[in-house]
Amino acid sequence: MPLVDLMKLPPQGTLLGLDPGARSIGVAACDRGRIIASPVETIERGKRLGPALDRLFQIFDARSAVGVVVGLPKNMSGDEGPRAQSARALAHNILQRHDVPIAFWDERLSTAGVERTLLEANTRRARRAEVIDKLAATWILQGAIDRLREAG
């Protein structure tokens, strides 16, 4: 299945949310009823993407996921820069390995929002670095499932 519009994801079942970064991929998952997104883990990318994709598909299969929402980091102007192209490349690589429905979600300010929340909670710098990617993935996925719910 190719890249799809968010509204074209399977109507029921668990979705994974991804926050793609240069060094890691934050992963979140929602419940089957798509009420709440929760952080799962941060996958280190390493020099080769293969092992990171292997781990991603282990999570996908273990949770019986039906689709993936990838955060698309657009510029504040709405244009796409190198980070967005990297997110699109990740989606392409996922599709090369596994035929799953993938939708993009505009993730402008997701990491900044999570960082602000962690700072307000007086989270230590080391702990913030440890959890920021998977929490950003949670932010992305929660936004997407909220939108799906609003659309009915």
N, C-alpha and C. Protein backbone atom coordinates (compact mmCIF):
# COMPACT_ATOMS: atom_id res chain seq x y z
N MET A 1 0.86 -1.18 0.00
CA MET A 1 0.00 0.00 0.00
C MET A 1 0.89 1.24 0.00
N PRO A 2 0.60 2.19 -0.81
CA PRO A 2 1.45 3.39 -0.89
C PRO A 2 1.15 4.37 0.24
N LEU A 3 1.77 5.52 0.14
CA LEU A 3 1.47 6.61 1.07
C LEU A 3 0.01 7.00 0.88
N VAL A 4 -0.66 7.27 1.99
CA VAL A 4 -2.08 7.57 1.92
C VAL A 4 -2.38 8.86 2.68
N ASP A 5 -3.51 9.44 2.38
CA ASP A 5 -4.03 10.55 3.16
C ASP A 5 -4.41 10.00 4.53
N LEU A 6 -4.29 10.81 5.55
CA LEU A 6 -4.60 10.38 6.92
C LEU A 6 -5.97 9.72 6.99
N MET A 7 -6.95 10.27 6.31
CA MET A 7 -8.31 9.75 6.37
C MET A 7 -8.46 8.41 5.66
N LYS A 8 -7.46 8.00 4.92
CA LYS A 8 -7.51 6.73 4.18
C LYS A 8 -6.82 5.59 4.94
N LEU A 9 -6.31 5.88 6.15
CA LEU A 9 -5.75 4.80 6.97
C LEU A 9 -6.88 3.83 7.32
N PRO A 10 -6.55 2.57 7.60
CA PRO A 10 -7.61 1.64 8.01
C PRO A 10 -8.43 2.25 9.16
N PRO A 11 -9.75 2.09 9.13
CA PRO A 11 -10.62 2.80 10.08
C PRO A 11 -10.52 2.31 11.52
N GLN A 12 -9.95 1.13 11.74
CA GLN A 12 -9.85 0.60 13.10
C GLN A 12 -8.47 -0.02 13.28
N GLY A 13 -8.06 -0.13 14.54
CA GLY A 13 -6.82 -0.82 14.86
C GLY A 13 -5.72 0.12 15.31
N THR A 14 -4.69 -0.47 15.82
CA THR A 14 -3.55 0.26 16.37
C THR A 14 -2.73 0.92 15.26
N LEU A 15 -2.32 2.15 15.52
CA LEU A 15 -1.41 2.86 14.64
C LEU A 15 -0.11 3.12 15.39
N LEU A 16 0.99 3.17 14.65
CA LEU A 16 2.25 3.62 15.21
C LEU A 16 2.49 5.05 14.75
N GLY A 17 3.10 5.85 15.61
CA GLY A 17 3.51 7.19 15.26
C GLY A 17 5.02 7.26 15.29
N LEU A 18 5.61 7.93 14.32
CA LEU A 18 7.07 8.03 14.24
C LEU A 18 7.51 9.48 14.21
N ASP A 19 8.53 9.76 15.01
CA ASP A 19 9.21 11.06 14.96
C ASP A 19 10.59 10.79 14.39
N PRO A 20 10.77 10.99 13.07
CA PRO A 20 12.05 10.68 12.45
C PRO A 20 13.10 11.74 12.74
N GLY A 21 14.25 11.30 13.15
CA GLY A 21 15.36 12.20 13.40
C GLY A 21 16.60 11.70 12.68
N ALA A 22 17.64 12.49 12.70
CA ALA A 22 18.89 12.10 12.02
C ALA A 22 19.55 10.91 12.72
N ARG A 23 19.47 10.86 14.04
CA ARG A 23 20.14 9.81 14.79
C ARG A 23 19.21 8.77 15.40
N SER A 24 17.92 9.09 15.46
CA SER A 24 16.99 8.15 16.09
C SER A 24 15.59 8.33 15.53
N ILE A 25 14.74 7.35 15.84
CA ILE A 25 13.34 7.39 15.44
C ILE A 25 12.52 7.18 16.71
N GLY A 26 11.75 8.19 17.09
CA GLY A 26 10.84 8.04 18.22
C GLY A 26 9.63 7.26 17.77
N VAL A 27 9.19 6.33 18.62
CA VAL A 27 8.05 5.48 18.27
C VAL A 27 6.98 5.58 19.37
N ALA A 28 5.74 5.74 18.93
CA ALA A 28 4.58 5.74 19.83
C ALA A 28 3.54 4.80 19.22
N ALA A 29 2.59 4.40 20.04
CA ALA A 29 1.49 3.57 19.56
C ALA A 29 0.21 4.02 20.25
N CYS A 30 -0.90 3.80 19.57
CA CYS A 30 -2.18 4.08 20.21
C CYS A 30 -2.88 2.76 20.49
N ASP A 31 -3.90 2.83 21.31
CA ASP A 31 -4.72 1.65 21.58
C ASP A 31 -5.56 1.33 20.36
N ARG A 32 -6.18 0.16 20.35
CA ARG A 32 -6.97 -0.26 19.20
C ARG A 32 -8.16 0.66 18.95
N GLY A 33 -8.68 1.27 20.01
CA GLY A 33 -9.80 2.19 19.87
C GLY A 33 -9.39 3.60 19.48
N ARG A 34 -8.09 3.81 19.39
CA ARG A 34 -7.52 5.11 18.97
C ARG A 34 -7.96 6.26 19.87
N ILE A 35 -7.90 6.03 21.16
CA ILE A 35 -8.24 7.07 22.13
C ILE A 35 -6.99 7.81 22.58
N ILE A 36 -5.95 7.05 22.91
CA ILE A 36 -4.75 7.69 23.46
C ILE A 36 -3.48 7.09 22.87
N ALA A 37 -2.54 7.96 22.60
CA ALA A 37 -1.22 7.56 22.12
C ALA A 37 -0.27 7.48 23.31
N SER A 38 0.62 6.51 23.28
CA SER A 38 1.59 6.32 24.35
C SER A 38 2.98 6.13 23.77
N PRO A 39 4.01 6.61 24.48
CA PRO A 39 5.37 6.40 23.99
C PRO A 39 5.75 4.92 24.06
N VAL A 40 6.52 4.46 23.08
CA VAL A 40 6.97 3.08 23.06
C VAL A 40 8.47 3.02 23.30
N GLU A 41 9.24 3.57 22.37
CA GLU A 41 10.70 3.58 22.53
C GLU A 41 11.34 4.50 21.52
N THR A 42 12.62 4.70 21.70
CA THR A 42 13.43 5.44 20.75
C THR A 42 14.39 4.44 20.12
N ILE A 43 14.32 4.34 18.80
CA ILE A 43 15.19 3.42 18.06
C ILE A 43 16.37 4.20 17.52
N GLU A 44 17.57 3.78 17.88
CA GLU A 44 18.77 4.42 17.33
C GLU A 44 18.93 3.99 15.88
N ARG A 45 19.25 4.96 15.02
CA ARG A 45 19.37 4.68 13.59
C ARG A 45 20.70 4.04 13.21
N GLY A 46 21.78 4.46 13.82
CA GLY A 46 23.08 3.92 13.46
C GLY A 46 23.47 4.30 12.04
N LYS A 47 24.54 3.70 11.56
CA LYS A 47 25.04 4.01 10.21
C LYS A 47 24.19 3.37 9.12
N ARG A 48 23.57 2.25 9.46
CA ARG A 48 22.70 1.56 8.50
C ARG A 48 21.28 1.60 9.02
N LEU A 49 20.32 1.84 8.16
CA LEU A 49 18.92 1.94 8.54
C LEU A 49 18.28 0.57 8.78
N GLY A 50 18.84 -0.47 8.18
CA GLY A 50 18.25 -1.81 8.26
C GLY A 50 17.91 -2.28 9.67
N PRO A 51 18.85 -2.25 10.61
CA PRO A 51 18.53 -2.71 11.96
C PRO A 51 17.42 -1.89 12.63
N ALA A 52 17.37 -0.59 12.36
CA ALA A 52 16.31 0.25 12.93
C ALA A 52 14.96 -0.16 12.34
N LEU A 53 14.92 -0.44 11.04
CA LEU A 53 13.67 -0.89 10.43
C LEU A 53 13.27 -2.26 10.95
N ASP A 54 14.24 -3.14 11.17
CA ASP A 54 13.93 -4.45 11.75
C ASP A 54 13.23 -4.27 13.09
N ARG A 55 13.77 -3.39 13.94
CA ARG A 55 13.15 -3.15 15.25
C ARG A 55 11.77 -2.53 15.10
N LEU A 56 11.62 -1.60 14.17
CA LEU A 56 10.33 -0.97 13.93
C LEU A 56 9.28 -2.02 13.57
N PHE A 57 9.63 -2.96 12.69
CA PHE A 57 8.67 -3.97 12.28
C PHE A 57 8.39 -4.97 13.39
N GLN A 58 9.35 -5.20 14.29
CA GLN A 58 9.08 -6.03 15.47
C GLN A 58 7.98 -5.38 16.32
N ILE A 59 8.10 -4.07 16.51
CA ILE A 59 7.09 -3.33 17.29
C ILE A 59 5.75 -3.36 16.55
N PHE A 60 5.79 -3.10 15.26
CA PHE A 60 4.58 -3.09 14.42
C PHE A 60 3.83 -4.42 14.56
N ASP A 61 4.56 -5.53 14.40
CA ASP A 61 3.94 -6.85 14.46
C ASP A 61 3.47 -7.20 15.87
N ALA A 62 4.28 -6.88 16.89
CA ALA A 62 3.92 -7.20 18.27
C ALA A 62 2.65 -6.49 18.70
N ARG A 63 2.40 -5.33 18.16
CA ARG A 63 1.21 -4.55 18.52
C ARG A 63 0.07 -4.75 17.52
N SER A 64 0.27 -5.63 16.55
CA SER A 64 -0.74 -5.87 15.51
C SER A 64 -1.21 -4.56 14.89
N ALA A 65 -0.26 -3.69 14.59
CA ALA A 65 -0.57 -2.38 14.03
C ALA A 65 -1.12 -2.52 12.61
N VAL A 66 -1.92 -1.53 12.22
CA VAL A 66 -2.53 -1.55 10.89
C VAL A 66 -2.05 -0.40 10.01
N GLY A 67 -1.25 0.52 10.57
CA GLY A 67 -0.76 1.65 9.80
C GLY A 67 0.25 2.46 10.60
N VAL A 68 0.87 3.40 9.89
CA VAL A 68 1.93 4.23 10.48
C VAL A 68 1.65 5.70 10.14
N VAL A 69 1.86 6.55 11.15
CA VAL A 69 1.79 7.99 10.95
C VAL A 69 3.20 8.54 11.15
N VAL A 70 3.76 9.16 10.13
CA VAL A 70 5.12 9.69 10.18
C VAL A 70 5.04 11.21 10.31
N GLY A 71 5.72 11.74 11.30
CA GLY A 71 5.79 13.19 11.47
C GLY A 71 6.55 13.82 10.32
N LEU A 72 5.96 14.83 9.70
CA LEU A 72 6.58 15.53 8.58
C LEU A 72 6.99 16.92 9.06
N PRO A 73 8.28 17.12 9.30
CA PRO A 73 8.74 18.40 9.86
C PRO A 73 8.82 19.50 8.81
N LYS A 74 7.72 20.25 8.69
CA LYS A 74 7.69 21.36 7.74
C LYS A 74 8.27 22.61 8.39
N ASN A 75 8.72 23.53 7.55
CA ASN A 75 9.16 24.84 8.04
C ASN A 75 7.93 25.62 8.48
N MET A 76 8.13 26.66 9.26
CA MET A 76 7.00 27.46 9.73
C MET A 76 6.22 28.07 8.57
N SER A 77 6.87 28.27 7.43
CA SER A 77 6.20 28.81 6.25
C SER A 77 5.33 27.77 5.55
N GLY A 78 5.47 26.50 5.96
CA GLY A 78 4.74 25.43 5.31
C GLY A 78 5.55 24.71 4.25
N ASP A 79 6.71 25.28 3.90
CA ASP A 79 7.58 24.64 2.92
C ASP A 79 8.26 23.42 3.55
N GLU A 80 8.76 22.55 2.68
CA GLU A 80 9.48 21.37 3.14
C GLU A 80 10.96 21.56 2.89
N GLY A 81 11.74 21.31 3.92
CA GLY A 81 13.19 21.41 3.81
C GLY A 81 13.83 20.04 3.87
N PRO A 82 15.12 20.00 4.16
CA PRO A 82 15.86 18.73 4.21
C PRO A 82 15.31 17.73 5.23
N ARG A 83 14.84 18.21 6.36
CA ARG A 83 14.30 17.29 7.38
C ARG A 83 13.03 16.61 6.87
N ALA A 84 12.20 17.34 6.14
CA ALA A 84 10.99 16.76 5.57
C ALA A 84 11.36 15.72 4.52
N GLN A 85 12.36 16.03 3.72
CA GLN A 85 12.80 15.06 2.71
C GLN A 85 13.34 13.80 3.37
N SER A 86 14.00 13.95 4.51
CA SER A 86 14.49 12.80 5.26
C SER A 86 13.33 11.95 5.78
N ALA A 87 12.26 12.60 6.24
CA ALA A 87 11.07 11.87 6.71
C ALA A 87 10.42 11.12 5.56
N ARG A 88 10.37 11.76 4.40
CA ARG A 88 9.79 11.10 3.22
C ARG A 88 10.66 9.91 2.80
N ALA A 89 11.98 10.06 2.91
CA ALA A 89 12.89 8.96 2.58
C ALA A 89 12.68 7.78 3.54
N LEU A 90 12.47 8.09 4.83
CA LEU A 90 12.20 7.02 5.80
C LEU A 90 10.93 6.28 5.41
N ALA A 91 9.88 7.01 5.07
CA ALA A 91 8.63 6.37 4.66
C ALA A 91 8.86 5.48 3.43
N HIS A 92 9.61 5.98 2.48
CA HIS A 92 9.92 5.20 1.28
C HIS A 92 10.67 3.91 1.65
N ASN A 93 11.64 4.02 2.55
CA ASN A 93 12.39 2.84 2.99
C ASN A 93 11.50 1.84 3.73
N ILE A 94 10.56 2.33 4.52
CA ILE A 94 9.61 1.45 5.20
C ILE A 94 8.80 0.69 4.16
N LEU A 95 8.31 1.41 3.15
CA LEU A 95 7.49 0.78 2.11
C LEU A 95 8.28 -0.23 1.28
N GLN A 96 9.57 -0.02 1.15
CA GLN A 96 10.41 -0.98 0.41
C GLN A 96 10.49 -2.31 1.15
N ARG A 97 10.36 -2.25 2.48
CA ARG A 97 10.51 -3.45 3.31
C ARG A 97 9.19 -4.10 3.69
N HIS A 98 8.13 -3.30 3.77
CA HIS A 98 6.85 -3.80 4.30
C HIS A 98 5.72 -2.98 3.70
N ASP A 99 4.74 -3.65 3.16
CA ASP A 99 3.62 -2.97 2.51
C ASP A 99 2.59 -2.56 3.56
N VAL A 100 2.75 -1.37 4.10
CA VAL A 100 1.86 -0.88 5.14
C VAL A 100 1.34 0.51 4.75
N PRO A 101 0.13 0.84 5.17
CA PRO A 101 -0.35 2.20 4.89
C PRO A 101 0.40 3.21 5.77
N ILE A 102 0.90 4.25 5.13
CA ILE A 102 1.65 5.30 5.82
C ILE A 102 1.04 6.64 5.47
N ALA A 103 0.78 7.44 6.51
CA ALA A 103 0.29 8.81 6.31
C ALA A 103 1.25 9.76 7.00
N PHE A 104 1.34 10.97 6.49
CA PHE A 104 2.17 12.01 7.12
C PHE A 104 1.30 12.90 7.98
N TRP A 105 1.90 13.44 9.04
CA TRP A 105 1.24 14.39 9.91
C TRP A 105 2.19 15.56 10.12
N ASP A 106 1.71 16.75 9.88
CA ASP A 106 2.51 17.97 10.06
C ASP A 106 2.95 18.05 11.52
N GLU A 107 4.23 17.98 11.75
CA GLU A 107 4.73 17.94 13.13
C GLU A 107 5.42 19.23 13.55
N ARG A 108 5.11 20.33 12.90
CA ARG A 108 5.71 21.59 13.30
C ARG A 108 5.54 21.79 14.80
N LEU A 109 6.61 22.09 15.45
CA LEU A 109 6.64 22.42 16.88
C LEU A 109 6.37 21.25 17.82
N SER A 110 6.29 20.01 17.32
CA SER A 110 6.04 18.89 18.23
C SER A 110 7.17 18.73 19.23
N THR A 111 8.41 18.74 18.76
CA THR A 111 9.54 18.58 19.68
C THR A 111 9.63 19.78 20.62
N ALA A 112 9.38 20.97 20.10
CA ALA A 112 9.41 22.16 20.95
C ALA A 112 8.33 22.09 22.02
N GLY A 113 7.14 21.61 21.66
CA GLY A 113 6.06 21.48 22.62
C GLY A 113 6.37 20.47 23.71
N VAL A 114 6.95 19.36 23.31
CA VAL A 114 7.34 18.34 24.29
C VAL A 114 8.45 18.87 25.18
N GLU A 115 9.42 19.53 24.59
CA GLU A 115 10.53 20.10 25.37
C GLU A 115 10.00 21.09 26.41
N ARG A 116 9.09 21.93 26.00
CA ARG A 116 8.50 22.91 26.92
C ARG A 116 7.79 22.21 28.08
N THR A 117 7.03 21.16 27.77
CA THR A 117 6.33 20.40 28.81
C THR A 117 7.31 19.76 29.78
N LEU A 118 8.39 19.19 29.25
CA LEU A 118 9.39 18.57 30.11
C LEU A 118 10.10 19.60 30.98
N LEU A 119 10.37 20.78 30.42
CA LEU A 119 11.00 21.84 31.20
C LEU A 119 10.07 22.31 32.33
N GLU A 120 8.80 22.44 32.01
CA GLU A 120 7.82 22.86 33.03
C GLU A 120 7.71 21.83 34.15
N ALA A 121 7.99 20.57 33.82
CA ALA A 121 7.95 19.50 34.81
C ALA A 121 9.30 19.34 35.53
N ASN A 122 10.22 20.28 35.28
CA ASN A 122 11.55 20.25 35.90
C ASN A 122 12.31 18.94 35.63
N THR A 123 12.16 18.44 34.40
CA THR A 123 12.85 17.21 34.01
C THR A 123 14.32 17.51 33.74
N ARG A 124 15.19 16.69 34.30
CA ARG A 124 16.64 16.86 34.10
C ARG A 124 16.99 16.78 32.61
N ARG A 125 18.05 17.46 32.23
CA ARG A 125 18.50 17.49 30.83
C ARG A 125 18.75 16.08 30.30
N ALA A 126 19.42 15.23 31.07
CA ALA A 126 19.72 13.87 30.63
C ALA A 126 18.43 13.08 30.39
N ARG A 127 17.47 13.24 31.27
CA ARG A 127 16.19 12.54 31.13
C ARG A 127 15.42 13.06 29.92
N ARG A 128 15.48 14.38 29.69
CA ARG A 128 14.81 14.96 28.51
C ARG A 128 15.37 14.34 27.24
N ALA A 129 16.69 14.26 27.16
CA ALA A 129 17.33 13.70 25.97
C ALA A 129 16.92 12.24 25.77
N GLU A 130 16.72 11.55 26.87
CA GLU A 130 16.36 10.13 26.84
C GLU A 130 14.95 9.90 26.28
N VAL A 131 14.02 10.82 26.56
CA VAL A 131 12.60 10.57 26.24
C VAL A 131 12.02 11.47 25.16
N ILE A 132 12.73 12.49 24.74
CA ILE A 132 12.14 13.50 23.86
C ILE A 132 11.62 12.93 22.54
N ASP A 133 12.35 12.01 21.92
CA ASP A 133 11.94 11.49 20.61
C ASP A 133 10.66 10.67 20.70
N LYS A 134 10.57 9.78 21.69
CA LYS A 134 9.35 8.97 21.79
C LYS A 134 8.16 9.80 22.26
N LEU A 135 8.42 10.85 23.05
CA LEU A 135 7.33 11.73 23.44
C LEU A 135 6.87 12.60 22.27
N ALA A 136 7.80 13.01 21.42
CA ALA A 136 7.42 13.76 20.22
C ALA A 136 6.59 12.85 19.29
N ALA A 137 6.96 11.57 19.19
CA ALA A 137 6.17 10.63 18.39
C ALA A 137 4.76 10.50 18.97
N THR A 138 4.66 10.53 20.29
CA THR A 138 3.36 10.45 20.95
C THR A 138 2.52 11.68 20.62
N TRP A 139 3.15 12.85 20.65
CA TRP A 139 2.49 14.12 20.32
C TRP A 139 1.95 14.05 18.88
N ILE A 140 2.78 13.58 17.96
CA ILE A 140 2.41 13.45 16.55
C ILE A 140 1.21 12.51 16.40
N LEU A 141 1.32 11.33 16.99
CA LEU A 141 0.25 10.34 16.84
C LEU A 141 -1.04 10.80 17.51
N GLN A 142 -0.94 11.43 18.67
CA GLN A 142 -2.15 11.90 19.34
C GLN A 142 -2.86 12.94 18.48
N GLY A 143 -2.10 13.84 17.86
CA GLY A 143 -2.71 14.83 16.97
C GLY A 143 -3.44 14.16 15.82
N ALA A 144 -2.82 13.12 15.26
CA ALA A 144 -3.43 12.42 14.12
C ALA A 144 -4.69 11.67 14.54
N ILE A 145 -4.66 10.96 15.67
CA ILE A 145 -5.85 10.20 16.07
C ILE A 145 -6.96 11.14 16.53
N ASP A 146 -6.60 12.28 17.12
CA ASP A 146 -7.63 13.26 17.46
C ASP A 146 -8.32 13.77 16.20
N ARG A 147 -7.54 14.02 15.16
CA ARG A 147 -8.10 14.48 13.88
C ARG A 147 -9.01 13.42 13.27
N LEU A 148 -8.56 12.17 13.32
CA LEU A 148 -9.39 11.07 12.79
C LEU A 148 -10.71 10.97 13.54
N ARG A 149 -10.66 11.12 14.87
CA ARG A 149 -11.87 11.05 15.69
C ARG A 149 -12.81 12.22 15.36
N GLU A 150 -12.24 13.43 15.20
CA GLU A 150 -13.06 14.60 14.87
C GLU A 150 -13.77 14.43 13.52
N ALA A 151 -13.07 13.76 12.59
CA ALA A 151 -13.62 13.57 11.25
C ALA A 151 -14.71 12.49 11.24
N GLY A 152 -14.78 11.71 12.34
CA GLY A 152 -15.81 10.70 12.46
C GLY A 152 -15.45 9.44 11.73
